[in-house]
Amino acid sequence: MLRRFTDHRAVGYPQMLPRGKVLLVDDELGDLAYHFRLLESCGQKVLSCAAYAQGAGLVECVTFDLVMVGQGSPAFEGRVVLERAASTDRSIPVLVLASSVDMGCYLEAMRLGAADYLEKPLSPTEMRRVIETCLRARMPS
């Protein structure tokens, strides 16, 4: 019996996104709720918190496929989560989300090992791109 397989990307069907466990940390509750819903709508299992110290603790005791952390103020409070993730498992992609781009925070985030530095809020299209890029690289085929 001969089966024909279709590449759904070629005919306009949405491609299935990889599913992973995502840690979302942001002290801005509106952004936290928005990105939480967006991640869930993309099929992700999301654990979220509004305290950076709590997020840093979770990175140590739970295995995540992706970490998304708000920058916080220009003092970069989200740094603690990024540093902890880097010291725990450097292969975990960490994305820093900023209300407005700050060059000093951007440079520090990249120096500390962030996978990307993005301006929030992320659009649904941008969130899908982020998930596709970060999780496909981490997950076995």
Protein backbone atom coordinates (compact mmCIF):
# COMPACT_ATOMS: atom_id res chain seq x y z
CA MET A 1 0.00 0.00 0.00
CA LEU A 2 1.38 3.37 -1.01
CA ARG A 3 0.84 6.33 1.30
CA ARG A 4 1.23 9.91 0.32
CA PHE A 5 2.55 12.32 2.90
CA THR A 6 1.95 16.03 2.68
CA ASP A 7 4.26 18.73 3.93
CA HIS A 8 1.64 20.92 5.61
CA ARG A 9 3.97 23.91 5.54
CA ALA A 10 3.79 23.85 1.76
CA VAL A 11 -0.01 24.04 1.68
CA GLY A 12 -0.45 26.72 4.31
CA TYR A 13 -1.32 24.64 7.37
CA PRO A 14 0.26 25.81 10.60
CA GLN A 15 3.23 23.72 11.59
CA MET A 16 3.02 22.03 14.98
CA LEU A 17 5.23 23.71 17.51
CA PRO A 18 7.43 21.67 19.79
CA ARG A 19 6.03 21.46 23.30
CA GLY A 20 8.18 22.23 26.27
CA LYS A 21 8.25 23.35 29.86
CA VAL A 22 8.67 27.13 30.10
CA LEU A 23 9.51 29.26 33.12
CA LEU A 24 8.09 32.78 32.82
CA VAL A 25 9.24 35.39 35.36
CA ASP A 26 8.10 39.02 35.24
CA ASP A 27 7.33 41.54 37.96
CA GLU A 28 4.87 43.35 35.66
CA LEU A 29 1.68 41.38 36.29
CA GLY A 30 -0.09 42.46 33.09
CA ASP A 31 2.83 41.30 30.96
CA LEU A 32 3.12 38.11 33.01
CA ALA A 33 -0.56 37.25 32.41
CA TYR A 34 -0.41 38.15 28.69
CA HIS A 35 2.70 36.09 27.95
CA PHE A 36 1.40 33.20 30.09
CA ARG A 37 -1.79 33.01 27.98
CA LEU A 38 0.20 33.34 24.77
CA LEU A 39 2.59 30.53 25.73
CA GLU A 40 -0.30 28.27 26.75
CA SER A 41 -2.11 28.98 23.47
CA CYS A 42 1.07 27.77 21.72
CA GLY A 43 0.81 24.45 23.58
CA GLN A 44 3.50 25.10 26.18
CA LYS A 45 3.47 23.94 29.79
CA VAL A 46 4.10 27.18 31.70
CA LEU A 47 5.21 27.84 35.26
CA SER A 48 5.13 31.53 36.11
CA CYS A 49 6.02 33.79 38.99
CA ALA A 50 6.27 37.52 39.64
CA ALA A 51 9.32 37.42 41.95
CA TYR A 52 12.82 37.19 40.52
CA ALA A 53 14.21 35.41 43.61
CA GLN A 54 11.49 32.77 43.31
CA GLY A 55 12.25 32.34 39.60
CA ALA A 56 15.95 31.88 40.37
CA GLY A 57 15.06 29.19 42.90
CA LEU A 58 12.82 27.37 40.42
CA VAL A 59 15.61 27.28 37.82
CA GLU A 60 17.72 25.33 40.33
CA CYS A 61 15.16 22.68 41.22
CA VAL A 62 13.04 22.21 38.06
CA THR A 63 14.23 21.36 34.56
CA PHE A 64 12.94 23.79 31.93
CA ASP A 65 13.24 23.83 28.15
CA LEU A 66 13.00 27.62 27.95
CA VAL A 67 13.22 30.49 30.44
CA MET A 68 11.68 33.88 29.73
CA VAL A 69 12.47 36.63 32.22
CA GLY A 70 11.45 40.26 32.37
CA GLN A 71 14.32 42.71 32.59
CA GLY A 72 12.69 44.59 35.45
CA SER A 73 13.82 48.17 35.82
CA PRO A 74 16.93 49.57 34.13
CA ALA A 75 18.79 48.10 37.14
CA PHE A 76 18.06 44.69 35.47
CA GLU A 77 16.50 42.76 38.36
CA GLY A 78 15.92 39.82 36.00
CA ARG A 79 19.70 39.29 36.00
CA VAL A 80 19.43 36.96 39.01
CA VAL A 81 17.33 34.46 37.03
CA LEU A 82 19.65 34.65 34.02
CA GLU A 83 22.75 34.13 36.18
CA ARG A 84 21.18 31.18 38.02
CA ALA A 85 20.07 29.53 34.78
CA ALA A 86 23.56 29.97 33.31
CA SER A 87 25.20 28.45 36.38
CA THR A 88 22.70 25.56 36.51
CA ASP A 89 22.53 24.54 32.83
CA ARG A 90 23.99 26.73 30.09
CA SER A 91 22.06 24.81 27.43
CA ILE A 92 18.72 26.26 28.59
CA PRO A 93 17.83 29.20 26.35
CA VAL A 94 17.03 32.29 28.42
CA LEU A 95 15.19 35.17 26.79
CA VAL A 96 15.16 38.60 28.42
CA LEU A 97 11.98 40.60 27.83
CA ALA A 98 12.22 44.38 28.16
CA SER A 99 9.53 47.07 28.24
CA SER A 100 11.96 49.32 26.41
CA VAL A 101 15.35 48.47 24.99
CA ASP A 102 18.23 49.52 27.23
CA MET A 103 21.63 49.10 25.56
CA GLY A 104 23.45 48.54 28.88
CA CYS A 105 21.02 45.80 29.92
CA TYR A 106 21.13 44.29 26.44
CA LEU A 107 24.93 44.05 26.51
CA GLU A 108 24.92 42.62 30.03
CA ALA A 109 22.25 40.05 29.15
CA MET A 110 24.23 38.88 26.13
CA ARG A 111 27.45 38.74 28.17
CA LEU A 112 25.69 36.59 30.78
CA GLY A 113 24.50 34.14 28.13
CA ALA A 114 20.98 35.22 27.15
CA ALA A 115 19.76 33.62 23.92
CA ASP A 116 17.94 36.82 22.97
CA TYR A 117 16.76 40.21 24.25
CA LEU A 118 13.27 41.12 23.05
CA GLU A 119 10.97 44.09 23.47
CA LYS A 120 7.66 43.19 25.07
CA PRO A 121 4.90 42.49 24.57
CA LEU A 122 5.67 39.75 22.06
CA SER A 123 3.15 39.32 19.27
CA PRO A 124 1.67 35.85 18.71
CA THR A 125 3.81 35.52 15.57
CA GLU A 126 6.96 36.50 17.43
CA MET A 127 6.13 34.09 20.27
CA ARG A 128 5.71 31.23 17.78
CA ARG A 129 9.08 32.12 16.21
CA VAL A 130 10.76 32.15 19.62
CA ILE A 131 9.30 28.78 20.58
CA GLU A 132 10.16 27.29 17.21
CA THR A 133 13.76 28.52 17.33
CA CYS A 134 14.54 27.78 20.98
CA LEU A 135 12.71 24.50 21.48
CA ARG A 136 13.51 22.85 18.15
CA ALA A 137 17.21 23.35 18.88
CA ARG A 138 16.79 21.70 22.32
CA MET A 139 14.51 18.80 21.50
CA PRO A 140 15.56 15.59 19.79
CA SER A 141 14.05 14.94 16.36
